[in-house]
Amino acid sequence: MGYSWPGGARLALSIVVNVEEGAEFNIQDGDRCPEPVDELGITLKKRVRNFGNESNYAYGIHEGAPRVLGLLARHGVPATFTAAAVALERAPQVAQGIMSGGHEVCAHGYRWAHQLGMSEDAERDFIRKATASIEHKTGARPVGWLSRYLHTAETRRLLLEEGYLYHMDDYSRDEPFMDRTLAKPMVVLPYALDSNDMKMWNAPSLTPRDWLAYAIDSFDWLLAESESRPRMMSLGVHLRIIGRPGRIGALEKFLQHVRAQGKQQVWAARRRDIAEYYAGLVRGGLD
């Protein structure tokens, strides 16, 4: 399709930082069992508190958040923080750091929980609670949504009805598109699982160097493709994962590689900005 990103850039880059710490499964919050320990591959089926894993998640708040926010600030990169509302309720300093850094908060559920299996009324309430909580903590109403992977067939319609601009639960393309099956078209900004730093938890043999190489290869390929068509790259990270001292350097090296290409070619942007720009193009007759 014949369009370019702002300033004539060829590639839109979206850094997505997941904030889930404090909103994960915990019997203290009425869950049947604690959150699995991804880093060790341990799953407890019993209704017990896993104090060790709670502290593992808390690391993302105490250590990971300052590192990630500081790195983004040093490189002048705006990001989208997909945050579970309860995580920000319990860590208001993180919410403040996100907003003062000029970033965006995208709703990642009220709790970090699967929507699959919820009734329509329950899911609508889940969305409304997340929306109200994030707006209260940040002063800005979220306009984007990312589920904890498993959602329902009604999720996108409910988001549209609640005034959301874009939806992230899609992995089908390397560019935005409009979902025209709804009463009103909605922007879909596809996400990416293959380049997510979660791979370093789920696949212990994957080192930060491996992850960096894959991220750079993805970026370089999309940038080359963007010579003939607009492209978008998503890079998803987590406070408790990339925020470790042995991993944060990989993200910095990736940002250094991006910066070396020049702002004329790459538009690093919040997802809100990408969605608003794309929606404006569509209103202007793009497709």
Protein backbone atom coordinates (compact mmCIF):
# COMPACT_ATOMS: atom_id res chain seq x y z
CA MET A 1 0.00 0.00 0.00
CA GLY A 2 1.23 3.43 -0.87
CA TYR A 3 1.92 5.32 2.33
CA SER A 4 4.84 6.20 4.54
CA TRP A 5 5.25 6.81 8.23
CA PRO A 6 5.72 10.33 9.66
CA GLY A 7 8.73 12.18 8.27
CA GLY A 8 8.94 9.72 5.40
CA ALA A 9 10.17 6.89 7.65
CA ARG A 10 9.92 3.41 6.18
CA LEU A 11 9.70 1.30 9.33
CA ALA A 12 7.61 1.87 12.46
CA LEU A 13 9.25 0.38 15.55
CA SER A 14 7.13 -0.40 18.60
CA ILE A 15 8.89 -1.28 21.85
CA VAL A 16 6.38 -2.98 24.15
CA VAL A 17 7.21 -3.34 27.85
CA ASN A 18 4.95 -5.73 29.74
CA VAL A 19 4.13 -4.82 33.36
CA GLU A 20 2.54 -7.85 35.02
CA GLU A 21 4.39 -8.03 38.32
CA GLY A 22 2.03 -8.01 41.27
CA ALA A 23 -0.96 -9.01 39.14
CA GLU A 24 0.08 -12.64 38.56
CA PHE A 25 -1.67 -15.67 40.08
CA ASN A 26 -1.54 -15.67 43.86
CA ILE A 27 -3.79 -17.41 46.36
CA GLN A 28 -3.82 -14.13 48.31
CA ASP A 29 -5.92 -12.76 45.44
CA GLY A 30 -8.27 -15.73 45.39
CA ASP A 31 -6.51 -17.80 42.73
CA ARG A 32 -6.45 -21.59 42.86
CA CYS A 33 -2.67 -21.83 42.73
CA PRO A 34 0.41 -19.58 42.47
CA GLU A 35 1.99 -18.40 39.23
CA PRO A 36 4.39 -20.93 37.64
CA VAL A 37 8.09 -20.20 38.01
CA ASP A 38 8.93 -19.79 34.34
CA GLU A 39 12.64 -19.28 34.93
CA LEU A 40 12.90 -22.69 36.62
CA GLY A 41 10.07 -24.54 34.91
CA ILE A 42 8.29 -25.23 38.22
CA THR A 43 4.50 -25.39 38.46
CA LEU A 44 2.76 -25.82 41.81
CA LYS A 45 -0.76 -27.24 41.69
CA LYS A 46 -1.36 -26.81 45.41
CA ARG A 47 -3.08 -23.85 47.01
CA VAL A 48 0.02 -22.45 48.65
CA ARG A 49 1.91 -19.19 48.46
CA ASN A 50 5.15 -19.34 46.54
CA PHE A 51 7.07 -16.64 48.39
CA GLY A 52 10.19 -17.19 46.30
CA ASN A 53 8.37 -16.59 43.03
CA GLU A 54 6.55 -13.58 44.44
CA SER A 55 9.96 -12.04 45.10
CA ASN A 56 11.07 -13.10 41.60
CA TYR A 57 8.23 -11.03 40.16
CA ALA A 58 8.89 -8.18 42.61
CA TYR A 59 12.38 -7.94 41.11
CA GLY A 60 10.78 -6.51 37.99
CA ILE A 61 9.31 -3.65 40.00
CA HIS A 62 12.30 -2.88 42.22
CA GLU A 63 15.16 -3.39 39.76
CA GLY A 64 13.83 -4.02 36.27
CA ALA A 65 11.59 -0.97 35.98
CA PRO A 66 14.29 1.61 36.82
CA ARG A 67 16.70 -0.06 34.40
CA VAL A 68 14.23 -0.22 31.52
CA LEU A 69 12.89 3.29 32.06
CA GLY A 70 16.41 4.66 32.36
CA LEU A 71 17.54 2.92 29.18
CA LEU A 72 14.59 4.22 27.17
CA ALA A 73 15.22 7.73 28.49
CA ARG A 74 18.91 7.65 27.54
CA HIS A 75 18.06 6.61 24.00
CA GLY A 76 15.03 8.88 23.68
CA VAL A 77 12.76 6.00 22.70
CA PRO A 78 9.03 6.23 23.49
CA ALA A 79 7.47 2.89 24.39
CA THR A 80 4.13 1.30 25.10
CA PHE A 81 3.84 -0.30 28.53
CA THR A 82 1.21 -3.03 28.44
CA ALA A 83 0.22 -3.04 32.09
CA ALA A 84 -2.15 -5.14 34.14
CA ALA A 85 -4.08 -2.57 36.15
CA VAL A 86 -3.44 -4.23 39.52
CA ALA A 87 0.31 -4.13 38.86
CA LEU A 88 0.17 -0.33 38.60
CA GLU A 89 -2.15 -0.09 41.60
CA ARG A 90 0.49 -1.86 43.68
CA ALA A 91 3.45 -0.03 42.16
CA PRO A 92 2.35 3.59 41.65
CA GLN A 93 5.98 4.66 41.29
CA VAL A 94 6.16 2.60 38.09
CA ALA A 95 3.01 4.26 36.76
CA GLN A 96 4.53 7.65 37.53
CA GLY A 97 7.81 6.73 35.83
CA ILE A 98 6.00 5.56 32.70
CA MET A 99 3.97 8.73 32.36
CA SER A 100 6.78 11.14 33.25
CA GLY A 101 8.90 9.43 30.59
CA GLY A 102 6.32 10.26 27.92
CA HIS A 103 5.34 6.64 27.37
CA GLU A 104 1.91 5.09 26.88
CA VAL A 105 0.05 2.62 29.08
CA CYS A 106 -1.91 0.02 27.13
CA ALA A 107 -4.36 -2.10 29.15
CA HIS A 108 -3.16 -5.66 29.77
CA GLY A 109 -6.19 -6.73 31.76
CA TYR A 110 -7.30 -5.87 35.27
CA ARG A 111 -5.35 -8.81 36.64
CA TRP A 112 -2.80 -10.68 34.55
CA ALA A 113 -5.39 -13.34 33.81
CA HIS A 114 -6.86 -15.18 30.83
CA GLN A 115 -10.19 -13.88 29.55
CA LEU A 116 -11.05 -17.18 27.91
CA GLY A 117 -14.02 -18.70 29.71
CA MET A 118 -15.43 -15.39 30.93
CA SER A 119 -19.06 -14.64 30.19
CA GLU A 120 -19.72 -11.53 28.13
CA ASP A 121 -20.81 -9.61 31.22
CA ALA A 122 -17.76 -10.74 33.19
CA GLU A 123 -15.40 -9.80 30.37
CA ARG A 124 -17.04 -6.39 29.95
CA ASP A 125 -16.63 -5.78 33.68
CA PHE A 126 -12.99 -6.94 33.48
CA ILE A 127 -12.32 -4.43 30.69
CA ARG A 128 -14.12 -1.61 32.49
CA LYS A 129 -12.28 -2.23 35.76
CA ALA A 130 -8.92 -2.23 33.98
CA THR A 131 -9.78 0.95 32.09
CA ALA A 132 -10.95 2.86 35.16
CA SER A 133 -8.01 1.72 37.29
CA ILE A 134 -5.35 2.66 34.73
CA GLU A 135 -6.95 6.03 34.10
CA HIS A 136 -7.02 6.67 37.84
CA LYS A 137 -3.36 5.72 38.32
CA THR A 138 -1.94 7.43 35.25
CA GLY A 139 -4.35 10.26 34.51
CA ALA A 140 -4.80 8.95 30.97
CA ARG A 141 -7.46 6.58 29.69
CA PRO A 142 -5.91 3.60 27.86
CA VAL A 143 -6.81 3.30 24.19
CA GLY A 144 -5.17 -0.07 23.45
CA TRP A 145 -5.64 -3.59 24.80
CA LEU A 146 -3.50 -6.72 25.04
CA SER A 147 -4.95 -9.86 26.63
CA ARG A 148 -3.00 -12.52 28.46
CA TYR A 149 -3.02 -14.43 25.19
CA LEU A 150 -6.30 -16.36 25.71
CA HIS A 151 -9.31 -14.16 25.08
CA THR A 152 -12.84 -14.63 23.72
CA ALA A 153 -14.58 -14.19 20.38
CA GLU A 154 -16.28 -11.10 21.81
CA THR A 155 -13.18 -9.30 23.11
CA ARG A 156 -12.63 -6.97 20.17
CA ARG A 157 -16.31 -6.03 19.96
CA LEU A 158 -16.40 -5.26 23.67
CA LEU A 159 -13.27 -3.13 23.37
CA LEU A 160 -14.84 -1.17 20.53
CA GLU A 161 -17.98 -0.62 22.61
CA GLU A 162 -15.82 0.65 25.48
CA GLY A 163 -14.14 3.22 23.27
CA TYR A 164 -10.80 1.54 22.56
CA LEU A 165 -8.79 2.65 19.53
CA TYR A 166 -6.69 -0.44 18.88
CA HIS A 167 -6.33 -4.11 19.75
CA MET A 168 -3.04 -6.03 19.99
CA ASP A 169 -4.19 -9.65 20.17
CA ASP A 170 -3.10 -10.56 16.66
CA TYR A 171 0.09 -12.06 15.21
CA SER A 172 -0.85 -12.25 11.53
CA ARG A 173 1.07 -9.39 9.92
CA ASP A 174 4.00 -6.97 10.08
CA GLU A 175 1.77 -3.93 9.56
CA PRO A 176 -1.44 -2.47 10.98
CA PHE A 177 -4.83 -3.26 9.47
CA MET A 178 -8.50 -2.52 10.04
CA ASP A 179 -10.95 -5.10 11.36
CA ARG A 180 -14.03 -4.31 9.28
CA THR A 181 -16.16 -7.15 10.62
CA LEU A 182 -17.30 -4.96 13.52
CA ALA A 183 -20.04 -2.34 13.58
CA LYS A 184 -17.27 0.23 13.25
CA PRO A 185 -13.80 -0.57 11.86
CA MET A 186 -11.10 -0.95 14.53
CA VAL A 187 -7.33 -0.66 14.21
CA VAL A 188 -5.46 -3.90 14.83
CA LEU A 189 -1.76 -3.51 15.66
CA PRO A 190 -0.26 -6.98 15.42
CA TYR A 191 2.14 -8.08 18.15
CA ALA A 192 5.03 -10.57 17.87
CA LEU A 193 5.82 -13.65 19.95
CA ASP A 194 8.92 -14.86 18.12
CA SER A 195 11.07 -11.90 19.20
CA ASN A 196 9.66 -11.64 22.74
CA ASP A 197 12.14 -11.81 25.61
CA MET A 198 9.88 -14.41 27.24
CA LYS A 199 11.78 -16.89 25.07
CA MET A 200 14.72 -16.50 27.46
CA TRP A 201 12.52 -17.93 30.23
CA ASN A 202 10.79 -20.61 28.22
CA ALA A 203 13.94 -21.76 26.43
CA PRO A 204 16.84 -21.67 28.91
CA SER A 205 19.37 -22.41 26.16
CA LEU A 206 18.51 -19.07 24.49
CA THR A 207 21.06 -16.52 25.66
CA PRO A 208 20.70 -12.72 25.58
CA ARG A 209 23.15 -12.74 22.66
CA ASP A 210 20.90 -15.15 20.77
CA TRP A 211 17.85 -13.01 21.51
CA LEU A 212 19.69 -9.86 20.38
CA ALA A 213 20.83 -11.48 17.16
CA TYR A 214 17.27 -12.57 16.38
CA ALA A 215 15.90 -9.09 17.16
CA ILE A 216 18.49 -7.41 14.93
CA ASP A 217 17.91 -9.91 12.12
CA SER A 218 14.15 -9.22 12.34
CA PHE A 219 14.72 -5.48 12.28
CA ASP A 220 17.18 -5.59 9.37
CA TRP A 221 14.90 -7.78 7.26
CA LEU A 222 11.86 -5.59 7.84
CA LEU A 223 13.88 -2.46 7.14
CA ALA A 224 14.99 -3.95 3.81
CA GLU A 225 11.40 -4.90 2.96
CA SER A 226 10.30 -1.37 3.78
CA GLU A 227 12.01 -0.13 0.63
CA SER A 228 8.92 -1.31 -1.26
CA ARG A 229 6.15 -1.23 1.38
CA PRO A 230 5.60 0.23 4.87
CA ARG A 231 6.58 -2.16 7.65
CA MET A 232 6.11 -2.33 11.43
CA MET A 233 8.18 -4.20 14.00
CA SER A 234 7.11 -5.09 17.54
CA LEU A 235 9.64 -6.00 20.20
CA GLY A 236 8.12 -7.22 23.46
CA VAL A 237 10.02 -7.29 26.75
CA HIS A 238 9.23 -7.73 30.46
CA LEU A 239 10.50 -5.86 33.49
CA ARG A 240 11.44 -9.06 35.34
CA ILE A 241 13.16 -10.61 32.31
CA ILE A 242 15.00 -8.01 30.24
CA GLY A 243 15.50 -5.96 33.41
CA ARG A 244 18.13 -8.40 34.73
CA PRO A 245 21.75 -7.16 34.70
CA GLY A 246 22.78 -9.98 32.36
CA ARG A 247 20.05 -9.16 29.83
CA ILE A 248 19.46 -5.39 29.82
CA GLY A 249 22.58 -4.86 27.73
CA ALA A 250 21.01 -6.82 24.88
CA LEU A 251 18.15 -4.34 24.70
CA GLU A 252 20.61 -1.45 24.76
CA LYS A 253 22.60 -2.95 21.89
CA PHE A 254 19.39 -3.35 19.92
CA LEU A 255 18.48 0.31 20.45
CA GLN A 256 21.99 1.35 19.44
CA HIS A 257 21.62 -0.65 16.23
CA VAL A 258 18.28 1.02 15.51
CA ARG A 259 19.65 4.50 16.18
CA ALA A 260 22.51 3.88 13.75
CA GLN A 261 19.98 3.60 10.90
CA GLY A 262 18.78 7.18 11.41
CA LYS A 263 15.40 8.70 12.20
CA GLN A 264 14.76 9.24 8.50
CA GLN A 265 14.25 5.51 8.08
CA VAL A 266 12.84 4.39 11.44
CA TRP A 267 9.96 5.87 13.39
CA ALA A 268 10.17 4.64 17.00
CA ALA A 269 6.73 5.32 18.40
CA ARG A 270 4.12 4.46 20.97
CA ARG A 271 1.44 2.15 19.69
CA ARG A 272 -1.15 4.83 20.32
CA ASP A 273 0.67 7.12 17.90
CA ILE A 274 0.96 4.38 15.30
CA ALA A 275 -2.75 3.53 15.60
CA GLU A 276 -3.83 7.18 15.40
CA TYR A 277 -1.62 7.83 12.39
CA TYR A 278 -2.82 4.73 10.57
CA ALA A 279 -6.47 5.46 11.37
CA GLY A 280 -5.96 8.94 9.92
CA LEU A 281 -4.58 7.43 6.73
CA VAL A 282 -7.59 5.13 6.45
CA ARG A 283 -9.98 8.04 6.96
CA GLY A 284 -8.11 9.78 4.16
CA GLY A 285 -8.90 6.93 1.82
CA LEU A 286 -5.95 4.55 2.23
CA ASP A 287 -8.06 1.43 1.80
